[in-house]
Amino acid sequence: MATIECLRTGLVYRNSKPHVHSVHAYFPSVVLLDNGDLLCTLVLGEAFEAPNCHICVARSTDGGETWHLEGPL
């Protein structure tokens, strides 16, 4: 069975204007692609089961140090 080792933790998504608009990130799933990029799917929305929740994709090309939100799935 494969094992997972946590080397660091960090943020995939940060709400850029929390004082204006409530957006939270839920249920991240990360995979390592063949080219070394990390691809993450996550749910963005105001709250659990809020009507504006949607699945988005984020990508890291530097081992998870920084993330670029690519948009909705």
PDB file of N, CA and C in Angstrom:
ATOM      1  N   MET A   1       0.837  -1.167   0.000  1.00  0.00           N
ATOM      2  CA  MET A   1       0.000   0.000   0.000  1.00  0.00           C
ATOM      3  C   MET A   1       0.891   1.241   0.000  1.00  0.00           C
ATOM      4  N   ALA A   2       0.521   2.238  -0.790  1.00  0.00           N
ATOM      5  CA  ALA A   2       1.276   3.482  -0.873  1.00  0.00           C
ATOM      6  C   ALA A   2       1.093   4.305   0.393  1.00  0.00           C
ATOM      7  N   THR A   3       2.105   5.084   0.716  1.00  0.00           N
ATOM      8  CA  THR A   3       2.011   5.966   1.872  1.00  0.00           C
ATOM      9  C   THR A   3       2.108   7.420   1.415  1.00  0.00           C
ATOM     10  N   ILE A   4       1.533   8.304   2.202  1.00  0.00           N
ATOM     11  CA  ILE A   4       1.570   9.742   1.920  1.00  0.00           C
ATOM     12  C   ILE A   4       2.362  10.410   3.033  1.00  0.00           C
ATOM     13  N   GLU A   5       3.320  11.237   2.657  1.00  0.00           N
ATOM     14  CA  GLU A   5       4.098  11.979   3.622  1.00  0.00           C
ATOM     15  C   GLU A   5       3.806  13.460   3.453  1.00  0.00           C
ATOM     16  N   CYS A   6       3.393  14.127   4.515  1.00  0.00           N
ATOM     17  CA  CYS A   6       3.110  15.564   4.486  1.00  0.00           C
ATOM     18  C   CYS A   6       4.411  16.318   4.741  1.00  0.00           C
ATOM     19  N   LEU A   7       4.901  17.022   3.726  1.00  0.00           N
ATOM     20  CA  LEU A   7       6.141  17.770   3.853  1.00  0.00           C
ATOM     21  C   LEU A   7       5.899  19.189   4.347  1.00  0.00           C
ATOM     22  N   ARG A   8       4.795  19.800   3.882  1.00  0.00           N
ATOM     23  CA  ARG A   8       4.431  21.162   4.257  1.00  0.00           C
ATOM     24  C   ARG A   8       2.918  21.305   4.137  1.00  0.00           C
ATOM     25  N   THR A   9       2.397  22.346   4.712  1.00  0.00           N
ATOM     26  CA  THR A   9       0.994  22.694   4.524  1.00  0.00           C
ATOM     27  C   THR A   9       0.930  24.116   3.995  1.00  0.00           C
ATOM     28  N   GLY A  10      -0.159  24.459   3.364  1.00  0.00           N
ATOM     29  CA  GLY A  10      -0.308  25.806   2.822  1.00  0.00           C
ATOM     30  C   GLY A  10      -1.706  26.031   2.306  1.00  0.00           C
ATOM     31  N   LEU A  11      -1.906  27.179   1.710  1.00  0.00           N
ATOM     32  CA  LEU A  11      -3.215  27.563   1.202  1.00  0.00           C
ATOM     33  C   LEU A  11      -3.292  27.387  -0.304  1.00  0.00           C
ATOM     34  N   VAL A  12      -4.345  26.744  -0.760  1.00  0.00           N
ATOM     35  CA  VAL A  12      -4.609  26.640  -2.196  1.00  0.00           C
ATOM     36  C   VAL A  12      -5.437  27.837  -2.638  1.00  0.00           C
ATOM     37  N   TYR A  13      -6.365  28.281  -1.786  1.00  0.00           N
ATOM     38  CA  TYR A  13      -7.240  29.408  -2.115  1.00  0.00           C
ATOM     39  C   TYR A  13      -7.326  30.368  -0.939  1.00  0.00           C
ATOM     40  N   ARG A  14      -7.251  31.647  -1.220  1.00  0.00           N
ATOM     41  CA  ARG A  14      -7.456  32.688  -0.211  1.00  0.00           C
ATOM     42  C   ARG A  14      -8.424  33.716  -0.793  1.00  0.00           C
ATOM     43  N   ASN A  15      -9.482  33.998  -0.056  1.00  0.00           N
ATOM     44  CA  ASN A  15     -10.457  35.006  -0.473  1.00  0.00           C
ATOM     45  C   ASN A  15      -9.754  36.365  -0.480  1.00  0.00           C
ATOM     46  N   SER A  16      -9.688  36.995  -1.634  1.00  0.00           N
ATOM     47  CA  SER A  16      -8.957  38.255  -1.762  1.00  0.00           C
ATOM     48  C   SER A  16      -9.704  39.441  -1.152  1.00  0.00           C
ATOM     49  N   LYS A  17     -11.030  39.325  -0.966  1.00  0.00           N
ATOM     50  CA  LYS A  17     -11.813  40.420  -0.393  1.00  0.00           C
ATOM     51  C   LYS A  17     -12.810  39.885   0.634  1.00  0.00           C
ATOM     52  N   PRO A  18     -12.328  39.315   1.737  1.00  0.00           N
ATOM     53  CA  PRO A  18     -13.256  38.723   2.711  1.00  0.00           C
ATOM     54  C   PRO A  18     -14.177  39.743   3.365  1.00  0.00           C
ATOM     55  N   HIS A  19     -13.771  41.004   3.381  1.00  0.00           N
ATOM     56  CA  HIS A  19     -14.600  42.047   3.963  1.00  0.00           C
ATOM     57  C   HIS A  19     -15.745  42.464   3.033  1.00  0.00           C
ATOM     58  N   VAL A  20     -15.699  42.034   1.776  1.00  0.00           N
ATOM     59  CA  VAL A  20     -16.719  42.403   0.796  1.00  0.00           C
ATOM     60  C   VAL A  20     -17.603  41.215   0.420  1.00  0.00           C
ATOM     61  N   HIS A  21     -16.983  40.034   0.250  1.00  0.00           N
ATOM     62  CA  HIS A  21     -17.706  38.874  -0.274  1.00  0.00           C
ATOM     63  C   HIS A  21     -17.249  37.610   0.455  1.00  0.00           C
ATOM     64  N   SER A  22     -18.194  36.843   0.945  1.00  0.00           N
ATOM     65  CA  SER A  22     -17.880  35.612   1.672  1.00  0.00           C
ATOM     66  C   SER A  22     -17.679  34.459   0.692  1.00  0.00           C
ATOM     67  N   VAL A  23     -16.457  33.959   0.604  1.00  0.00           N
ATOM     68  CA  VAL A  23     -16.149  32.791  -0.227  1.00  0.00           C
ATOM     69  C   VAL A  23     -15.223  31.884   0.576  1.00  0.00           C
ATOM     70  N   HIS A  24     -15.625  30.641   0.731  1.00  0.00           N
ATOM     71  CA  HIS A  24     -14.828  29.650   1.447  1.00  0.00           C
ATOM     72  C   HIS A  24     -14.478  28.514   0.499  1.00  0.00           C
ATOM     73  N   ALA A  25     -13.383  27.829   0.780  1.00  0.00           N
ATOM     74  CA  ALA A  25     -12.958  26.676  -0.018  1.00  0.00           C
ATOM     75  C   ALA A  25     -13.166  25.404   0.797  1.00  0.00           C
ATOM     76  N   TYR A  26     -13.753  24.387   0.162  1.00  0.00           N
ATOM     77  CA  TYR A  26     -14.059  23.123   0.816  1.00  0.00           C
ATOM     78  C   TYR A  26     -13.566  21.953  -0.026  1.00  0.00           C
ATOM     79  N   PHE A  27     -13.306  20.837   0.614  1.00  0.00           N
ATOM     80  CA  PHE A  27     -13.062  19.532  -0.006  1.00  0.00           C
ATOM     81  C   PHE A  27     -11.966  19.547  -1.080  1.00  0.00           C
ATOM     82  N   PRO A  28     -10.749  20.000  -0.751  1.00  0.00           N
ATOM     83  CA  PRO A  28      -9.680  19.964  -1.752  1.00  0.00           C
ATOM     84  C   PRO A  28      -9.238  18.526  -2.055  1.00  0.00           C
ATOM     85  N   SER A  29      -8.946  18.275  -3.313  1.00  0.00           N
ATOM     86  CA  SER A  29      -8.386  16.995  -3.762  1.00  0.00           C
ATOM     87  C   SER A  29      -7.212  17.311  -4.677  1.00  0.00           C
ATOM     88  N   VAL A  30      -6.033  16.813  -4.327  1.00  0.00           N
ATOM     89  CA  VAL A  30      -4.816  17.155  -5.061  1.00  0.00           C
ATOM     90  C   VAL A  30      -4.236  15.910  -5.714  1.00  0.00           C
ATOM     91  N   VAL A  31      -3.794  16.058  -6.971  1.00  0.00           N
ATOM     92  CA  VAL A  31      -3.100  14.983  -7.677  1.00  0.00           C
ATOM     93  C   VAL A  31      -1.806  15.536  -8.266  1.00  0.00           C
ATOM     94  N   LEU A  32      -0.821  14.663  -8.365  1.00  0.00           N
ATOM     95  CA  LEU A  32       0.456  14.995  -8.997  1.00  0.00           C
ATOM     96  C   LEU A  32       0.390  14.552 -10.452  1.00  0.00           C
ATOM     97  N   LEU A  33       0.587  15.491 -11.370  1.00  0.00           N
ATOM     98  CA  LEU A  33       0.551  15.173 -12.800  1.00  0.00           C
ATOM     99  C   LEU A  33       1.913  14.675 -13.270  1.00  0.00           C
ATOM    100  N   ASP A  34       1.944  14.030 -14.426  1.00  0.00           N
ATOM    101  CA  ASP A  34       3.186  13.476 -14.979  1.00  0.00           C
ATOM    102  C   ASP A  34       4.260  14.540 -15.190  1.00  0.00           C
ATOM    103  N   ASN A  35       3.846  15.795 -15.478  1.00  0.00           N
ATOM    104  CA  ASN A  35       4.828  16.864 -15.732  1.00  0.00           C
ATOM    105  C   ASN A  35       5.320  17.528 -14.444  1.00  0.00           C
ATOM    106  N   GLY A  36       4.856  17.056 -13.265  1.00  0.00           N
ATOM    107  CA  GLY A  36       5.293  17.600 -11.991  1.00  0.00           C
ATOM    108  C   GLY A  36       4.358  18.632 -11.383  1.00  0.00           C
ATOM    109  N   ASP A  37       3.394  19.110 -12.176  1.00  0.00           N
ATOM    110  CA  ASP A  37       2.413  20.055 -11.648  1.00  0.00           C
ATOM    111  C   ASP A  37       1.504  19.363 -10.637  1.00  0.00           C
ATOM    112  N   LEU A  38       0.983  20.145  -9.691  1.00  0.00           N
ATOM    113  CA  LEU A  38      -0.052  19.678  -8.788  1.00  0.00           C
ATOM    114  C   LEU A  38      -1.372  20.280  -9.247  1.00  0.00           C
ATOM    115  N   LEU A  39      -2.388  19.461  -9.358  1.00  0.00           N
ATOM    116  CA  LEU A  39      -3.707  19.911  -9.773  1.00  0.00           C
ATOM    117  C   LEU A  39      -4.662  19.668  -8.616  1.00  0.00           C
ATOM    118  N   CYS A  40      -5.440  20.689  -8.272  1.00  0.00           N
ATOM    119  CA  CYS A  40      -6.346  20.603  -7.132  1.00  0.00           C
ATOM    120  C   CYS A  40      -7.762  20.992  -7.566  1.00  0.00           C
ATOM    121  N   THR A  41      -8.724  20.173  -7.211  1.00  0.00           N
ATOM    122  CA  THR A  41     -10.125  20.568  -7.353  1.00  0.00           C
ATOM    123  C   THR A  41     -10.619  20.930  -5.953  1.00  0.00           C
ATOM    124  N   LEU A  42     -11.483  21.932  -5.889  1.00  0.00           N
ATOM    125  CA  LEU A  42     -12.036  22.381  -4.624  1.00  0.00           C
ATOM    126  C   LEU A  42     -13.392  23.011  -4.870  1.00  0.00           C
ATOM    127  N   VAL A  43     -14.207  23.035  -3.837  1.00  0.00           N
ATOM    128  CA  VAL A  43     -15.524  23.658  -3.920  1.00  0.00           C
ATOM    129  C   VAL A  43     -15.416  25.052  -3.324  1.00  0.00           C
ATOM    130  N   LEU A  44     -15.870  26.064  -4.075  1.00  0.00           N
ATOM    131  CA  LEU A  44     -15.914  27.430  -3.577  1.00  0.00           C
ATOM    132  C   LEU A  44     -17.362  27.845  -3.396  1.00  0.00           C
ATOM    133  N   GLY A  45     -17.658  28.527  -2.295  1.00  0.00           N
ATOM    134  CA  GLY A  45     -19.014  29.002  -2.055  1.00  0.00           C
ATOM    135  C   GLY A  45     -19.122  29.724  -0.731  1.00  0.00           C
ATOM    136  N   GLU A  46     -20.303  30.286  -0.477  1.00  0.00           N
ATOM    137  CA  GLU A  46     -20.533  31.043   0.755  1.00  0.00           C
ATOM    138  C   GLU A  46     -20.597  30.151   1.980  1.00  0.00           C
ATOM    139  N   ALA A  47     -21.160  28.958   1.830  1.00  0.00           N
ATOM    140  CA  ALA A  47     -21.328  28.046   2.958  1.00  0.00           C
ATOM    141  C   ALA A  47     -21.648  26.661   2.410  1.00  0.00           C
ATOM    142  N   PHE A  48     -21.585  25.643   3.289  1.00  0.00           N
ATOM    143  CA  PHE A  48     -21.982  24.304   2.868  1.00  0.00           C
ATOM    144  C   PHE A  48     -23.390  24.354   2.287  1.00  0.00           C
ATOM    145  N   GLU A  49     -23.576  23.714   1.164  1.00  0.00           N
ATOM    146  CA  GLU A  49     -24.874  23.595   0.500  1.00  0.00           C
ATOM    147  C   GLU A  49     -25.465  24.919   0.040  1.00  0.00           C
ATOM    148  N   ALA A  50     -24.671  25.976  -0.010  1.00  0.00           N
ATOM    149  CA  ALA A  50     -25.150  27.253  -0.536  1.00  0.00           C
ATOM    150  C   ALA A  50     -25.389  27.108  -2.035  1.00  0.00           C
ATOM    151  N   PRO A  51     -26.382  27.804  -2.579  1.00  0.00           N
ATOM    152  CA  PRO A  51     -26.678  27.667  -4.012  1.00  0.00           C
ATOM    153  C   PRO A  51     -25.554  28.150  -4.922  1.00  0.00           C
ATOM    154  N   ASN A  52     -24.627  28.933  -4.402  1.00  0.00           N
ATOM    155  CA  ASN A  52     -23.544  29.425  -5.261  1.00  0.00           C
ATOM    156  C   ASN A  52     -22.275  28.579  -5.181  1.00  0.00           C
ATOM    157  N   CYS A  53     -22.329  27.407  -4.559  1.00  0.00           N
ATOM    158  CA  CYS A  53     -21.155  26.524  -4.516  1.00  0.00           C
ATOM    159  C   CYS A  53     -20.856  25.966  -5.902  1.00  0.00           C
ATOM    160  N   HIS A  54     -19.591  25.934  -6.263  1.00  0.00           N
ATOM    161  CA  HIS A  54     -19.186  25.384  -7.555  1.00  0.00           C
ATOM    162  C   HIS A  54     -17.779  24.801  -7.431  1.00  0.00           C
ATOM    163  N   ILE A  55     -17.481  23.835  -8.282  1.00  0.00           N
ATOM    164  CA  ILE A  55     -16.179  23.174  -8.277  1.00  0.00           C
ATOM    165  C   ILE A  55     -15.213  23.972  -9.144  1.00  0.00           C
ATOM    166  N   CYS A  56     -14.025  24.218  -8.608  1.00  0.00           N
ATOM    167  CA  CYS A  56     -12.994  24.951  -9.346  1.00  0.00           C
ATOM    168  C   CYS A  56     -11.712  24.130  -9.399  1.00  0.00           C
ATOM    169  N   VAL A  57     -10.817  24.543 -10.281  1.00  0.00           N
ATOM    170  CA  VAL A  57      -9.522  23.886 -10.458  1.00  0.00           C
ATOM    171  C   VAL A  57      -8.416  24.898 -10.177  1.00  0.00           C
ATOM    172  N   ALA A  58      -7.426  24.473  -9.405  1.00  0.00           N
ATOM    173  CA  ALA A  58      -6.236  25.287  -9.156  1.00  0.00           C
ATOM    174  C   ALA A  58      -5.014  24.449  -9.519  1.00  0.00           C
ATOM    175  N   ARG A  59      -3.938  25.131  -9.928  1.00  0.00           N
ATOM    176  CA  ARG A  59      -2.722  24.435 -10.356  1.00  0.00           C
ATOM    177  C   ARG A  59      -1.503  25.074  -9.706  1.00  0.00           C
ATOM    178  N   SER A  60      -0.555  24.229  -9.328  1.00  0.00           N
ATOM    179  CA  SER A  60       0.727  24.688  -8.823  1.00  0.00           C
ATOM    180  C   SER A  60       1.821  24.092  -9.693  1.00  0.00           C
ATOM    181  N   THR A  61       2.738  24.944 -10.121  1.00  0.00           N
ATOM    182  CA  THR A  61       3.868  24.478 -10.931  1.00  0.00           C
ATOM    183  C   THR A  61       5.168  24.474 -10.126  1.00  0.00           C
ATOM    184  N   ASP A  62       5.066  24.815  -8.819  1.00  0.00           N
ATOM    185  CA  ASP A  62       6.263  24.890  -7.985  1.00  0.00           C
ATOM    186  C   ASP A  62       6.155  24.029  -6.728  1.00  0.00           C
ATOM    187  N   GLY A  63       5.535  22.885  -6.875  1.00  0.00           N
ATOM    188  CA  GLY A  63       5.458  21.946  -5.771  1.00  0.00           C
ATOM    189  C   GLY A  63       4.492  22.341  -4.665  1.00  0.00           C
ATOM    190  N   GLY A  64       3.563  23.224  -4.954  1.00  0.00           N
ATOM    191  CA  GLY A  64       2.565  23.623  -3.974  1.00  0.00           C
ATOM    192  C   GLY A  64       2.887  24.896  -3.225  1.00  0.00           C
ATOM    193  N   GLU A  65       3.990  25.536  -3.560  1.00  0.00           N
ATOM    194  CA  GLU A  65       4.329  26.791  -2.880  1.00  0.00           C
ATOM    195  C   GLU A  65       3.338  27.899  -3.235  1.00  0.00           C
ATOM    196  N   THR A  66       2.968  27.994  -4.511  1.00  0.00           N
ATOM    197  CA  THR A  66       1.982  28.966  -4.958  1.00  0.00           C
ATOM    198  C   THR A  66       0.946  28.248  -5.826  1.00  0.00           C
ATOM    199  N   TRP A  67      -0.260  28.818  -5.862  1.00  0.00           N
ATOM    200  CA  TRP A  67      -1.362  28.222  -6.615  1.00  0.00           C
ATOM    201  C   TRP A  67      -2.011  29.274  -7.492  1.00  0.00           C
ATOM    202  N   HIS A  68      -2.442  28.839  -8.684  1.00  0.00           N
ATOM    203  CA  HIS A  68      -3.162  29.697  -9.625  1.00  0.00           C
ATOM    204  C   HIS A  68      -4.544  29.108  -9.811  1.00  0.00           C
ATOM    205  N   LEU A  69      -5.580  29.880  -9.488  1.00  0.00           N
ATOM    206  CA  LEU A  69      -6.947  29.429  -9.673  1.00  0.00           C
ATOM    207  C   LEU A  69      -7.274  29.499 -11.159  1.00  0.00           C
ATOM    208  N   GLU A  70      -7.514  28.358 -11.797  1.00  0.00           N
ATOM    209  CA  GLU A  70      -7.765  28.302 -13.223  1.00  0.00           C
ATOM    210  C   GLU A  70      -9.230  28.552 -13.566  1.00  0.00           C
ATOM    211  N   GLY A  71     -10.117  28.391 -12.609  1.00  0.00           N
ATOM    212  CA  GLY A  71     -11.528  28.674 -12.848  1.00  0.00           C
ATOM    213  C   GLY A  71     -12.418  27.489 -12.585  1.00  0.00           C
ATOM    214  N   PRO A  72     -13.701  27.627 -12.951  1.00  0.00           N
ATOM    215  CA  PRO A  72     -14.662  26.545 -12.695  1.00  0.00           C
ATOM    216  C   PRO A  72     -14.400  25.320 -13.556  1.00  0.00           C
ATOM    217  N   LEU A  73     -14.767  24.175 -13.013  1.00  0.00           N
ATOM    218  CA  LEU A  73     -14.622  22.916 -13.726  1.00  0.00           C
ATOM    219  C   LEU A  73     -15.721  22.764 -14.736  1.00  0.00           C
TER     220      LEU A  73
END
